[in-house]
Structure formats: C-alpha cells, structure tokens
mmCIF file of all heavy atoms, coordinates in Angstrom:
data_MODEL
# 
_entry.id   MODEL 
# 
loop_
_atom_site.group_PDB 
_atom_site.id 
_atom_site.type_symbol 
_atom_site.label_atom_id 
_atom_site.label_alt_id 
_atom_site.label_comp_id 
_atom_site.label_asym_id 
_atom_site.label_entity_id 
_atom_site.label_seq_id 
_atom_site.pdbx_PDB_ins_code 
_atom_site.Cartn_x 
_atom_site.Cartn_y 
_atom_site.Cartn_z 
_atom_site.occupancy 
_atom_site.B_iso_or_equiv 
_atom_site.pdbx_formal_charge 
_atom_site.auth_seq_id 
_atom_site.auth_comp_id 
_atom_site.auth_asym_id 
_atom_site.auth_atom_id 
_atom_site.pdbx_PDB_model_num 
ATOM 1   N N   . ALA A 1 1  ? -33.514 -81.474 28.392 1.00 0.00 ? 1  ALA A N   1 
ATOM 2   C CA  . ALA A 1 1  ? -32.314 -81.276 29.219 1.00 0.00 ? 1  ALA A CA  1 
ATOM 3   C C   . ALA A 1 1  ? -32.516 -80.149 30.224 1.00 0.00 ? 1  ALA A C   1 
ATOM 4   O O   . ALA A 1 1  ? -32.210 -80.297 31.418 1.00 0.00 ? 1  ALA A O   1 
ATOM 5   C CB  . ALA A 1 1  ? -31.117 -80.988 28.321 1.00 0.00 ? 1  ALA A CB  1 
ATOM 6   N N   . CYS A 1 2  ? -33.027 -79.016 29.772 1.00 0.00 ? 2  CYS A N   1 
ATOM 7   C CA  . CYS A 1 2  ? -33.220 -77.865 30.667 1.00 0.00 ? 2  CYS A CA  1 
ATOM 8   C C   . CYS A 1 2  ? -34.312 -78.136 31.700 1.00 0.00 ? 2  CYS A C   1 
ATOM 9   O O   . CYS A 1 2  ? -34.204 -77.691 32.850 1.00 0.00 ? 2  CYS A O   1 
ATOM 10  C CB  . CYS A 1 2  ? -33.552 -76.614 29.853 1.00 0.00 ? 2  CYS A CB  1 
ATOM 11  S SG  . CYS A 1 2  ? -32.182 -75.994 28.871 1.00 0.00 ? 2  CYS A SG  1 
ATOM 12  N N   . ALA A 1 3  ? -35.356 -78.869 31.305 1.00 0.00 ? 3  ALA A N   1 
ATOM 13  C CA  . ALA A 1 3  ? -36.420 -79.208 32.254 1.00 0.00 ? 3  ALA A CA  1 
ATOM 14  C C   . ALA A 1 3  ? -35.889 -80.117 33.356 1.00 0.00 ? 3  ALA A C   1 
ATOM 15  O O   . ALA A 1 3  ? -36.231 -79.949 34.537 1.00 0.00 ? 3  ALA A O   1 
ATOM 16  C CB  . ALA A 1 3  ? -37.581 -79.873 31.514 1.00 0.00 ? 3  ALA A CB  1 
ATOM 17  N N   . ILE A 1 4  ? -35.042 -81.074 33.000 1.00 0.00 ? 4  ILE A N   1 
ATOM 18  C CA  . ILE A 1 4  ? -34.448 -81.969 34.006 1.00 0.00 ? 4  ILE A CA  1 
ATOM 19  C C   . ILE A 1 4  ? -33.571 -81.172 34.973 1.00 0.00 ? 4  ILE A C   1 
ATOM 20  O O   . ILE A 1 4  ? -33.623 -81.371 36.192 1.00 0.00 ? 4  ILE A O   1 
ATOM 21  C CB  . ILE A 1 4  ? -33.635 -83.080 33.308 1.00 0.00 ? 4  ILE A CB  1 
ATOM 22  C CG1 . ILE A 1 4  ? -34.576 -84.040 32.589 1.00 0.00 ? 4  ILE A CG1 1 
ATOM 23  C CG2 . ILE A 1 4  ? -32.765 -83.828 34.316 1.00 0.00 ? 4  ILE A CG2 1 
ATOM 24  C CD1 . ILE A 1 4  ? -33.866 -85.069 31.728 1.00 0.00 ? 4  ILE A CD1 1 
ATOM 25  N N   . ILE A 1 5  ? -32.762 -80.261 34.436 1.00 0.00 ? 5  ILE A N   1 
ATOM 26  C CA  . ILE A 1 5  ? -31.905 -79.435 35.291 1.00 0.00 ? 5  ILE A CA  1 
ATOM 27  C C   . ILE A 1 5  ? -32.751 -78.572 36.217 1.00 0.00 ? 5  ILE A C   1 
ATOM 28  O O   . ILE A 1 5  ? -32.447 -78.437 37.418 1.00 0.00 ? 5  ILE A O   1 
ATOM 29  C CB  . ILE A 1 5  ? -30.974 -78.565 34.430 1.00 0.00 ? 5  ILE A CB  1 
ATOM 30  C CG1 . ILE A 1 5  ? -29.994 -79.442 33.652 1.00 0.00 ? 5  ILE A CG1 1 
ATOM 31  C CG2 . ILE A 1 5  ? -30.208 -77.570 35.298 1.00 0.00 ? 5  ILE A CG2 1 
ATOM 32  C CD1 . ILE A 1 5  ? -29.159 -78.689 32.644 1.00 0.00 ? 5  ILE A CD1 1 
ATOM 33  N N   . ALA A 1 6  ? -33.826 -77.968 35.684 1.00 0.00 ? 6  ALA A N   1 
ATOM 34  C CA  . ALA A 1 6  ? -34.693 -77.120 36.506 1.00 0.00 ? 6  ALA A CA  1 
ATOM 35  C C   . ALA A 1 6  ? -35.301 -77.906 37.659 1.00 0.00 ? 6  ALA A C   1 
ATOM 36  O O   . ALA A 1 6  ? -35.330 -77.437 38.811 1.00 0.00 ? 6  ALA A O   1 
ATOM 37  C CB  . ALA A 1 6  ? -35.797 -76.513 35.635 1.00 0.00 ? 6  ALA A CB  1 
ATOM 38  N N   . CYS A 1 7  ? -35.769 -79.123 37.379 1.00 0.00 ? 7  CYS A N   1 
ATOM 39  C CA  . CYS A 1 7  ? -36.360 -79.958 38.434 1.00 0.00 ? 7  CYS A CA  1 
ATOM 40  C C   . CYS A 1 7  ? -35.306 -80.387 39.456 1.00 0.00 ? 7  CYS A C   1 
ATOM 41  O O   . CYS A 1 7  ? -35.555 -80.368 40.666 1.00 0.00 ? 7  CYS A O   1 
ATOM 42  C CB  . CYS A 1 7  ? -37.019 -81.185 37.816 1.00 0.00 ? 7  CYS A CB  1 
ATOM 43  S SG  . CYS A 1 7  ? -38.473 -80.818 36.803 1.00 0.00 ? 7  CYS A SG  1 
ATOM 44  N N   . ALA A 1 8  ? -34.122 -80.752 38.965 1.00 0.00 ? 8  ALA A N   1 
ATOM 45  C CA  . ALA A 1 8  ? -33.055 -81.197 39.867 1.00 0.00 ? 8  ALA A CA  1 
ATOM 46  C C   . ALA A 1 8  ? -32.635 -80.073 40.808 1.00 0.00 ? 8  ALA A C   1 
ATOM 47  O O   . ALA A 1 8  ? -32.456 -80.292 42.015 1.00 0.00 ? 8  ALA A O   1 
ATOM 48  C CB  . ALA A 1 8  ? -31.864 -81.689 39.052 1.00 0.00 ? 8  ALA A CB  1 
ATOM 49  N N   . VAL A 1 9  ? -32.494 -78.860 40.261 1.00 0.00 ? 9  VAL A N   1 
ATOM 50  C CA  . VAL A 1 9  ? -32.103 -77.710 41.084 1.00 0.00 ? 9  VAL A CA  1 
ATOM 51  C C   . VAL A 1 9  ? -33.190 -77.386 42.097 1.00 0.00 ? 9  VAL A C   1 
ATOM 52  O O   . VAL A 1 9  ? -32.901 -77.084 43.268 1.00 0.00 ? 9  VAL A O   1 
ATOM 53  C CB  . VAL A 1 9  ? -31.793 -76.492 40.197 1.00 0.00 ? 9  VAL A CB  1 
ATOM 54  C CG1 . VAL A 1 9  ? -31.603 -75.244 41.047 1.00 0.00 ? 9  VAL A CG1 1 
ATOM 55  C CG2 . VAL A 1 9  ? -30.555 -76.748 39.359 1.00 0.00 ? 9  VAL A CG2 1 
ATOM 56  N N   . MET A 1 10 ? -34.452 -77.476 41.677 1.00 0.00 ? 10 MET A N   1 
ATOM 57  C CA  . MET A 1 10 ? -35.558 -77.133 42.573 1.00 0.00 ? 10 MET A CA  1 
ATOM 58  C C   . MET A 1 10 ? -35.613 -78.095 43.761 1.00 0.00 ? 10 MET A C   1 
ATOM 59  O O   . MET A 1 10 ? -35.839 -77.683 44.906 1.00 0.00 ? 10 MET A O   1 
ATOM 60  C CB  . MET A 1 10 ? -36.876 -77.160 41.808 1.00 0.00 ? 10 MET A CB  1 
ATOM 61  C CG  . MET A 1 10 ? -38.077 -76.731 42.647 1.00 0.00 ? 10 MET A CG  1 
ATOM 62  S SD  . MET A 1 10 ? -39.604 -76.673 41.673 1.00 0.00 ? 10 MET A SD  1 
ATOM 63  C CE  . MET A 1 10 ? -39.767 -78.395 41.215 1.00 0.00 ? 10 MET A CE  1 
ATOM 64  N N   . PHE A 1 11 ? -35.407 -79.387 43.518 1.00 0.00 ? 11 PHE A N   1 
ATOM 65  C CA  . PHE A 1 11 ? -35.457 -80.354 44.610 1.00 0.00 ? 11 PHE A CA  1 
ATOM 66  C C   . PHE A 1 11 ? -34.222 -80.274 45.499 1.00 0.00 ? 11 PHE A C   1 
ATOM 67  O O   . PHE A 1 11 ? -34.281 -80.570 46.693 1.00 0.00 ? 11 PHE A O   1 
ATOM 68  C CB  . PHE A 1 11 ? -35.612 -81.768 44.056 1.00 0.00 ? 11 PHE A CB  1 
ATOM 69  C CG  . PHE A 1 11 ? -36.984 -82.044 43.514 1.00 0.00 ? 11 PHE A CG  1 
ATOM 70  C CD1 . PHE A 1 11 ? -37.180 -82.353 42.180 1.00 0.00 ? 11 PHE A CD1 1 
ATOM 71  C CD2 . PHE A 1 11 ? -38.095 -81.978 44.349 1.00 0.00 ? 11 PHE A CD2 1 
ATOM 72  C CE1 . PHE A 1 11 ? -38.445 -82.600 41.678 1.00 0.00 ? 11 PHE A CE1 1 
ATOM 73  C CE2 . PHE A 1 11 ? -39.377 -82.222 43.862 1.00 0.00 ? 11 PHE A CE2 1 
ATOM 74  C CZ  . PHE A 1 11 ? -39.551 -82.533 42.518 1.00 0.00 ? 11 PHE A CZ  1 
ATOM 75  N N   . ARG A 1 12 ? -33.099 -79.862 44.915 1.00 0.00 ? 12 ARG A N   1 
ATOM 76  C CA  . ARG A 1 12 ? -31.869 -79.777 45.695 1.00 0.00 ? 12 ARG A CA  1 
ATOM 77  C C   . ARG A 1 12 ? -31.814 -78.493 46.510 1.00 0.00 ? 12 ARG A C   1 
ATOM 78  O O   . ARG A 1 12 ? -31.350 -78.489 47.646 1.00 0.00 ? 12 ARG A O   1 
ATOM 79  C CB  . ARG A 1 12 ? -30.668 -79.856 44.754 1.00 0.00 ? 12 ARG A CB  1 
ATOM 80  C CG  . ARG A 1 12 ? -29.340 -79.864 45.471 1.00 0.00 ? 12 ARG A CG  1 
ATOM 81  C CD  . ARG A 1 12 ? -28.186 -80.012 44.487 1.00 0.00 ? 12 ARG A CD  1 
ATOM 82  N NE  . ARG A 1 12 ? -26.907 -79.989 45.181 1.00 0.00 ? 12 ARG A NE  1 
ATOM 83  C CZ  . ARG A 1 12 ? -25.728 -80.067 44.568 1.00 0.00 ? 12 ARG A CZ  1 
ATOM 84  N NH1 . ARG A 1 12 ? -25.684 -80.191 43.247 1.00 0.00 ? 12 ARG A NH1 1 
ATOM 85  N NH2 . ARG A 1 12 ? -24.614 -80.029 45.263 1.00 0.00 ? 12 ARG A NH2 1 
ATOM 86  N N   . ARG A 1 13 ? -32.270 -77.391 45.893 1.00 0.00 ? 13 ARG A N   1 
ATOM 87  C CA  . ARG A 1 13 ? -32.250 -76.106 46.589 1.00 0.00 ? 13 ARG A CA  1 
ATOM 88  C C   . ARG A 1 13 ? -33.629 -75.470 46.451 1.00 0.00 ? 13 ARG A C   1 
ATOM 89  O O   . ARG A 1 13 ? -33.927 -74.786 45.496 1.00 0.00 ? 13 ARG A O   1 
ATOM 90  C CB  . ARG A 1 13 ? -31.180 -75.189 45.974 1.00 0.00 ? 13 ARG A CB  1 
ATOM 91  C CG  . ARG A 1 13 ? -30.877 -73.974 46.826 1.00 0.00 ? 13 ARG A CG  1 
ATOM 92  C CD  . ARG A 1 13 ? -29.835 -73.103 46.173 1.00 0.00 ? 13 ARG A CD  1 
ATOM 93  N NE  . ARG A 1 13 ? -30.367 -72.401 45.010 1.00 0.00 ? 13 ARG A NE  1 
ATOM 94  C CZ  . ARG A 1 13 ? -29.634 -71.615 44.222 1.00 0.00 ? 13 ARG A CZ  1 
ATOM 95  N NH1 . ARG A 1 13 ? -28.360 -71.468 44.446 1.00 0.00 ? 13 ARG A NH1 1 
ATOM 96  N NH2 . ARG A 1 13 ? -30.179 -71.005 43.190 1.00 0.00 ? 13 ARG A NH2 1 
ATOM 97  N N   . LYS A 1 14 ? -34.466 -75.746 47.425 1.00 0.00 ? 14 LYS A N   1 
ATOM 98  C CA  . LYS A 1 14 ? -35.846 -75.299 47.341 1.00 0.00 ? 14 LYS A CA  1 
ATOM 99  C C   . LYS A 1 14 ? -35.934 -73.780 47.372 1.00 0.00 ? 14 LYS A C   1 
ATOM 100 O O   . LYS A 1 14 ? -35.252 -73.122 48.160 1.00 0.00 ? 14 LYS A O   1 
ATOM 101 C CB  . LYS A 1 14 ? -36.657 -75.887 48.495 1.00 0.00 ? 14 LYS A CB  1 
ATOM 102 C CG  . LYS A 1 14 ? -36.799 -77.408 48.408 1.00 0.00 ? 14 LYS A CG  1 
ATOM 103 C CD  . LYS A 1 14 ? -37.700 -77.947 49.506 1.00 0.00 ? 14 LYS A CD  1 
ATOM 104 C CE  . LYS A 1 14 ? -37.858 -79.456 49.356 1.00 0.00 ? 14 LYS A CE  1 
ATOM 105 N NZ  . LYS A 1 14 ? -38.738 -80.017 50.392 1.00 0.00 ? 14 LYS A NZ  1 
ATOM 106 N N   . PRO A 1 15 ? -36.791 -73.206 46.508 1.00 0.00 ? 15 PRO A N   1 
ATOM 107 C CA  . PRO A 1 15 ? -36.949 -71.739 46.484 1.00 0.00 ? 15 PRO A CA  1 
ATOM 108 C C   . PRO A 1 15 ? -37.510 -71.222 47.800 1.00 0.00 ? 15 PRO A C   1 
ATOM 109 O O   . PRO A 1 15 ? -38.328 -71.878 48.461 1.00 0.00 ? 15 PRO A O   1 
ATOM 110 C CB  . PRO A 1 15 ? -37.944 -71.513 45.336 1.00 0.00 ? 15 PRO A CB  1 
ATOM 111 C CG  . PRO A 1 15 ? -37.889 -72.764 44.512 1.00 0.00 ? 15 PRO A CG  1 
ATOM 112 C CD  . PRO A 1 15 ? -37.584 -73.870 45.470 1.00 0.00 ? 15 PRO A CD  1 
ATOM 113 N N   . GLU A 1 16 ? -37.041 -70.041 48.170 1.00 0.00 ? 16 GLU A N   1 
ATOM 114 C CA  . GLU A 1 16 ? -37.520 -69.423 49.399 1.00 0.00 ? 16 GLU A CA  1 
ATOM 115 C C   . GLU A 1 16 ? -38.873 -68.748 49.204 1.00 0.00 ? 16 GLU A C   1 
ATOM 116 O O   . GLU A 1 16 ? -39.612 -68.556 50.158 1.00 0.00 ? 16 GLU A O   1 
ATOM 117 C CB  . GLU A 1 16 ? -36.501 -68.386 49.884 1.00 0.00 ? 16 GLU A CB  1 
ATOM 118 C CG  . GLU A 1 16 ? -35.144 -68.999 50.247 1.00 0.00 ? 16 GLU A CG  1 
ATOM 119 C CD  . GLU A 1 16 ? -34.143 -67.940 50.662 1.00 0.00 ? 16 GLU A CD  1 
ATOM 120 O OE1 . GLU A 1 16 ? -34.502 -66.743 50.636 1.00 0.00 ? 16 GLU A OE1 1 
ATOM 121 O OE2 . GLU A 1 16 ? -32.996 -68.296 51.005 1.00 0.00 ? 16 GLU A OE2 1 
ATOM 122 N N   . SER A 1 17 ? -39.176 -68.380 47.975 1.00 0.00 ? 17 SER A N   1 
ATOM 123 C CA  . SER A 1 17 ? -40.421 -67.672 47.704 1.00 0.00 ? 17 SER A CA  1 
ATOM 124 C C   . SER A 1 17 ? -41.391 -68.567 46.937 1.00 0.00 ? 17 SER A C   1 
ATOM 125 O O   . SER A 1 17 ? -40.988 -69.325 46.038 1.00 0.00 ? 17 SER A O   1 
ATOM 126 C CB  . SER A 1 17 ? -40.137 -66.403 46.887 1.00 0.00 ? 17 SER A CB  1 
ATOM 127 O OG  . SER A 1 17 ? -41.332 -65.802 46.462 1.00 0.00 ? 17 SER A OG  1 
ATOM 128 N N   . ASN A 1 18 ? -42.663 -68.487 47.288 1.00 0.00 ? 18 ASN A N   1 
ATOM 129 C CA  . ASN A 1 18 ? -43.694 -69.232 46.563 1.00 0.00 ? 18 ASN A CA  1 
ATOM 130 C C   . ASN A 1 18 ? -43.878 -68.699 45.143 1.00 0.00 ? 18 ASN A C   1 
ATOM 131 O O   . ASN A 1 18 ? -44.453 -69.385 44.291 1.00 0.00 ? 18 ASN A O   1 
ATOM 132 C CB  . ASN A 1 18 ? -45.022 -69.151 47.318 1.00 0.00 ? 18 ASN A CB  1 
ATOM 133 C CG  . ASN A 1 18 ? -44.982 -69.948 48.612 1.00 0.00 ? 18 ASN A CG  1 
ATOM 134 O OD1 . ASN A 1 18 ? -44.253 -70.941 48.711 1.00 0.00 ? 18 ASN A OD1 1 
ATOM 135 N ND2 . ASN A 1 18 ? -45.752 -69.517 49.596 1.00 0.00 ? 18 ASN A ND2 1 
ATOM 136 N N   . ARG A 1 19 ? -43.400 -67.482 44.902 1.00 0.00 ? 19 ARG A N   1 
ATOM 137 C CA  . ARG A 1 19 ? -43.535 -66.894 43.575 1.00 0.00 ? 19 ARG A CA  1 
ATOM 138 C C   . ARG A 1 19 ? -42.750 -67.703 42.533 1.00 0.00 ? 19 ARG A C   1 
ATOM 139 O O   . ARG A 1 19 ? -43.163 -67.823 41.385 1.00 0.00 ? 19 ARG A O   1 
ATOM 140 C CB  . ARG A 1 19 ? -43.040 -65.452 43.591 1.00 0.00 ? 19 ARG A CB  1 
ATOM 141 C CG  . ARG A 1 19 ? -43.276 -64.695 42.298 1.00 0.00 ? 19 ARG A CG  1 
ATOM 142 C CD  . ARG A 1 19 ? -43.054 -63.213 42.490 1.00 0.00 ? 19 ARG A CD  1 
ATOM 143 N NE  . ARG A 1 19 ? -41.731 -62.920 43.028 1.00 0.00 ? 19 ARG A NE  1 
ATOM 144 C CZ  . ARG A 1 19 ? -41.307 -61.696 43.322 1.00 0.00 ? 19 ARG A CZ  1 
ATOM 145 N NH1 . ARG A 1 19 ? -42.117 -60.657 43.145 1.00 0.00 ? 19 ARG A NH1 1 
ATOM 146 N NH2 . ARG A 1 19 ? -40.099 -61.510 43.808 1.00 0.00 ? 19 ARG A NH2 1 
ATOM 147 N N   . VAL A 1 20 ? -41.624 -68.282 42.943 1.00 0.00 ? 20 VAL A N   1 
ATOM 148 C CA  . VAL A 1 20 ? -40.843 -69.128 42.034 1.00 0.00 ? 20 VAL A CA  1 
ATOM 149 C C   . VAL A 1 20 ? -41.657 -70.353 41.632 1.00 0.00 ? 20 VAL A C   1 
ATOM 150 O O   . VAL A 1 20 ? -41.706 -70.727 40.447 1.00 0.00 ? 20 VAL A O   1 
ATOM 151 C CB  . VAL A 1 20 ? -39.519 -69.539 42.693 1.00 0.00 ? 20 VAL A CB  1 
ATOM 152 C CG1 . VAL A 1 20 ? -38.763 -70.529 41.810 1.00 0.00 ? 20 VAL A CG1 1 
ATOM 153 C CG2 . VAL A 1 20 ? -38.659 -68.315 42.981 1.00 0.00 ? 20 VAL A CG2 1 
ATOM 154 N N   . TYR A 1 21 ? -42.324 -70.983 42.607 1.00 0.00 ? 21 TYR A N   1 
ATOM 155 C CA  . TYR A 1 21 ? -43.169 -72.142 42.305 1.00 0.00 ? 21 TYR A CA  1 
ATOM 156 C C   . TYR A 1 21 ? -44.292 -71.747 41.348 1.00 0.00 ? 21 TYR A C   1 
ATOM 157 O O   . TYR A 1 21 ? -44.627 -72.499 40.416 1.00 0.00 ? 21 TYR A O   1 
ATOM 158 C CB  . TYR A 1 21 ? -43.770 -72.723 43.583 1.00 0.00 ? 21 TYR A CB  1 
ATOM 159 C CG  . TYR A 1 21 ? -42.783 -73.438 44.467 1.00 0.00 ? 21 TYR A CG  1 
ATOM 160 C CD1 . TYR A 1 21 ? -42.390 -72.887 45.677 1.00 0.00 ? 21 TYR A CD1 1 
ATOM 161 C CD2 . TYR A 1 21 ? -42.242 -74.662 44.085 1.00 0.00 ? 21 TYR A CD2 1 
ATOM 162 C CE1 . TYR A 1 21 ? -41.479 -73.544 46.502 1.00 0.00 ? 21 TYR A CE1 1 
ATOM 163 C CE2 . TYR A 1 21 ? -41.330 -75.325 44.900 1.00 0.00 ? 21 TYR A CE2 1 
ATOM 164 C CZ  . TYR A 1 21 ? -40.957 -74.757 46.099 1.00 0.00 ? 21 TYR A CZ  1 
ATOM 165 O OH  . TYR A 1 21 ? -40.054 -75.412 46.906 1.00 0.00 ? 21 TYR A OH  1 
ATOM 166 N N   . LEU A 1 22 ? -44.873 -70.577 41.573 1.00 0.00 ? 22 LEU A N   1 
ATOM 167 C CA  . LEU A 1 22 ? -45.969 -70.117 40.722 1.00 0.00 ? 22 LEU A CA  1 
ATOM 168 C C   . LEU A 1 22 ? -45.486 -69.906 39.284 1.00 0.00 ? 22 LEU A C   1 
ATOM 169 O O   . LEU A 1 22 ? -46.151 -70.322 38.331 1.00 0.00 ? 22 LEU A O   1 
ATOM 170 C CB  . LEU A 1 22 ? -46.545 -68.815 41.287 1.00 0.00 ? 22 LEU A CB  1 
ATOM 171 C CG  . LEU A 1 22 ? -47.713 -68.195 40.501 1.00 0.00 ? 22 LEU A CG  1 
ATOM 172 C CD1 . LEU A 1 22 ? -48.890 -69.168 40.450 1.00 0.00 ? 22 LEU A CD1 1 
ATOM 173 C CD2 . LEU A 1 22 ? -48.140 -66.880 41.142 1.00 0.00 ? 22 LEU A CD2 1 
ATOM 174 N N   . MET A 1 23 ? -44.309 -69.290 39.135 1.00 0.00 ? 23 MET A N   1 
ATOM 175 C CA  . MET A 1 23 ? -43.780 -69.033 37.794 1.00 0.00 ? 23 MET A CA  1 
ATOM 176 C C   . MET A 1 23 ? -43.410 -70.336 37.095 1.00 0.00 ? 23 MET A C   1 
ATOM 177 O O   . MET A 1 23 ? -43.633 -70.493 35.890 1.00 0.00 ? 23 MET A O   1 
ATOM 178 C CB  . MET A 1 23 ? -42.577 -68.100 37.879 1.00 0.00 ? 23 MET A CB  1 
ATOM 179 C CG  . MET A 1 23 ? -42.929 -66.697 38.373 1.00 0.00 ? 23 MET A CG  1 
ATOM 180 S SD  . MET A 1 23 ? -41.514 -65.586 38.478 1.00 0.00 ? 23 MET A SD  1 
ATOM 181 C CE  . MET A 1 23 ? -41.195 -65.279 36.753 1.00 0.00 ? 23 MET A CE  1 
ATOM 182 N N   . LEU A 1 24 ? -42.854 -71.301 37.829 1.00 0.00 ? 24 LEU A N   1 
ATOM 183 C CA  . LEU A 1 24 ? -42.559 -72.616 37.246 1.00 0.00 ? 24 LEU A CA  1 
ATOM 184 C C   . LEU A 1 24 ? -43.844 -73.324 36.834 1.00 0.00 ? 24 LEU A C   1 
ATOM 185 O O   . LEU A 1 24 ? -43.872 -74.030 35.813 1.00 0.00 ? 24 LEU A O   1 
ATOM 186 C CB  . LEU A 1 24 ? -41.777 -73.464 38.237 1.00 0.00 ? 24 LEU A CB  1 
ATOM 187 C CG  . LEU A 1 24 ? -40.311 -73.091 38.422 1.00 0.00 ? 24 LEU A CG  1 
ATOM 188 C CD1 . LEU A 1 24 ? -39.703 -73.867 39.585 1.00 0.00 ? 24 LEU A CD1 1 
ATOM 189 C CD2 . LEU A 1 24 ? -39.525 -73.367 37.144 1.00 0.00 ? 24 LEU A CD2 1 
ATOM 190 N N   . LEU A 1 25 ? -44.900 -73.131 37.611 1.00 0.00 ? 25 LEU A N   1 
ATOM 191 C CA  . LEU A 1 25 ? -46.199 -73.720 37.260 1.00 0.00 ? 25 LEU A CA  1 
ATOM 192 C C   . LEU A 1 25 ? -46.729 -73.107 35.965 1.00 0.00 ? 25 LEU A C   1 
ATOM 193 O O   . LEU A 1 25 ? -47.300 -73.816 35.119 1.00 0.00 ? 25 LEU A O   1 
ATOM 194 C CB  . LEU A 1 25 ? -47.191 -73.499 38.409 1.00 0.00 ? 25 LEU A CB  1 
ATOM 195 C CG  . LEU A 1 25 ? -48.550 -74.194 38.279 1.00 0.00 ? 25 LEU A CG  1 
ATOM 196 C CD1 . LEU A 1 25 ? -48.357 -75.712 38.239 1.00 0.00 ? 25 LEU A CD1 1 
ATOM 197 C CD2 . LEU A 1 25 ? -49.469 -73.806 39.435 1.00 0.00 ? 25 LEU A CD2 1 
ATOM 198 N N   . VAL A 1 26 ? -46.521 -71.812 35.783 1.00 0.00 ? 26 VAL A N   1 
ATOM 199 C CA  . VAL A 1 26 ? -46.944 -71.141 34.552 1.00 0.00 ? 26 VAL A CA  1 
ATOM 200 C C   . VAL A 1 26 ? -46.153 -71.704 33.359 1.00 0.00 ? 26 VAL A C   1 
ATOM 201 O O   . VAL A 1 26 ? -46.720 -71.976 32.292 1.00 0.00 ? 26 VAL A O   1 
ATOM 202 C CB  . VAL A 1 26 ? -46.749 -69.618 34.670 1.00 0.00 ? 26 VAL A CB  1 
ATOM 203 C CG1 . VAL A 1 26 ? -46.951 -68.944 33.312 1.00 0.00 ? 26 VAL A CG1 1 
ATOM 204 C CG2 . VAL A 1 26 ? -47.706 -69.034 35.698 1.00 0.00 ? 26 VAL A CG2 1 
ATOM 205 N N   . VAL A 1 27 ? -44.843 -71.878 33.545 1.00 0.00 ? 27 VAL A N   1 
ATOM 206 C CA  . VAL A 1 27 ? -44.007 -72.455 32.479 1.00 0.00 ? 27 VAL A CA  1 
ATOM 207 C C   . VAL A 1 27 ? -44.510 -73.844 32.111 1.00 0.00 ? 27 VAL A C   1 
ATOM 208 O O   . VAL A 1 27 ? -44.641 -74.191 30.921 1.00 0.00 ? 27 VAL A O   1 
ATOM 209 C CB  . VAL A 1 27 ? -42.529 -72.512 32.919 1.00 0.00 ? 27 VAL A CB  1 
ATOM 210 C CG1 . VAL A 1 27 ? -41.700 -73.331 31.936 1.00 0.00 ? 27 VAL A CG1 1 
ATOM 211 C CG2 . VAL A 1 27 ? -41.955 -71.108 33.042 1.00 0.00 ? 27 VAL A CG2 1 
ATOM 212 N N   . ALA A 1 28 ? -44.824 -74.673 33.118 1.00 0.00 ? 28 ALA A N   1 
ATOM 213 C CA  . ALA A 1 28 ? -45.327 -76.027 32.865 1.00 0.00 ? 28 ALA A CA  1 
ATOM 214 C C   . ALA A 1 28 ? -46.671 -75.989 32.146 1.00 0.00 ? 28 ALA A C   1 
ATOM 215 O O   . ALA A 1 28 ? -46.930 -76.807 31.250 1.00 0.00 ? 28 ALA A O   1 
ATOM 216 C CB  . ALA A 1 28 ? -45.437 -76.791 34.181 1.00 0.00 ? 28 ALA A CB  1 
# 
C-alpha cells in the first residue's frame, strides 16, 4: 500500500531535487 502511494505521489508531483530520486532508489 505505501509503495503504491509513494509511486503515485512521485508521478503526480515530481520531486524538485535529484536527491529524492536517489533516496527512493536506495529504499528500492
């Protein structure tokens, strides 16, 4: 459930910083 929400939010409101993408990649 939380992974789906995280992906939905990311595609709807893209992060301004690449650091967010990097941290999400670490989580994955």
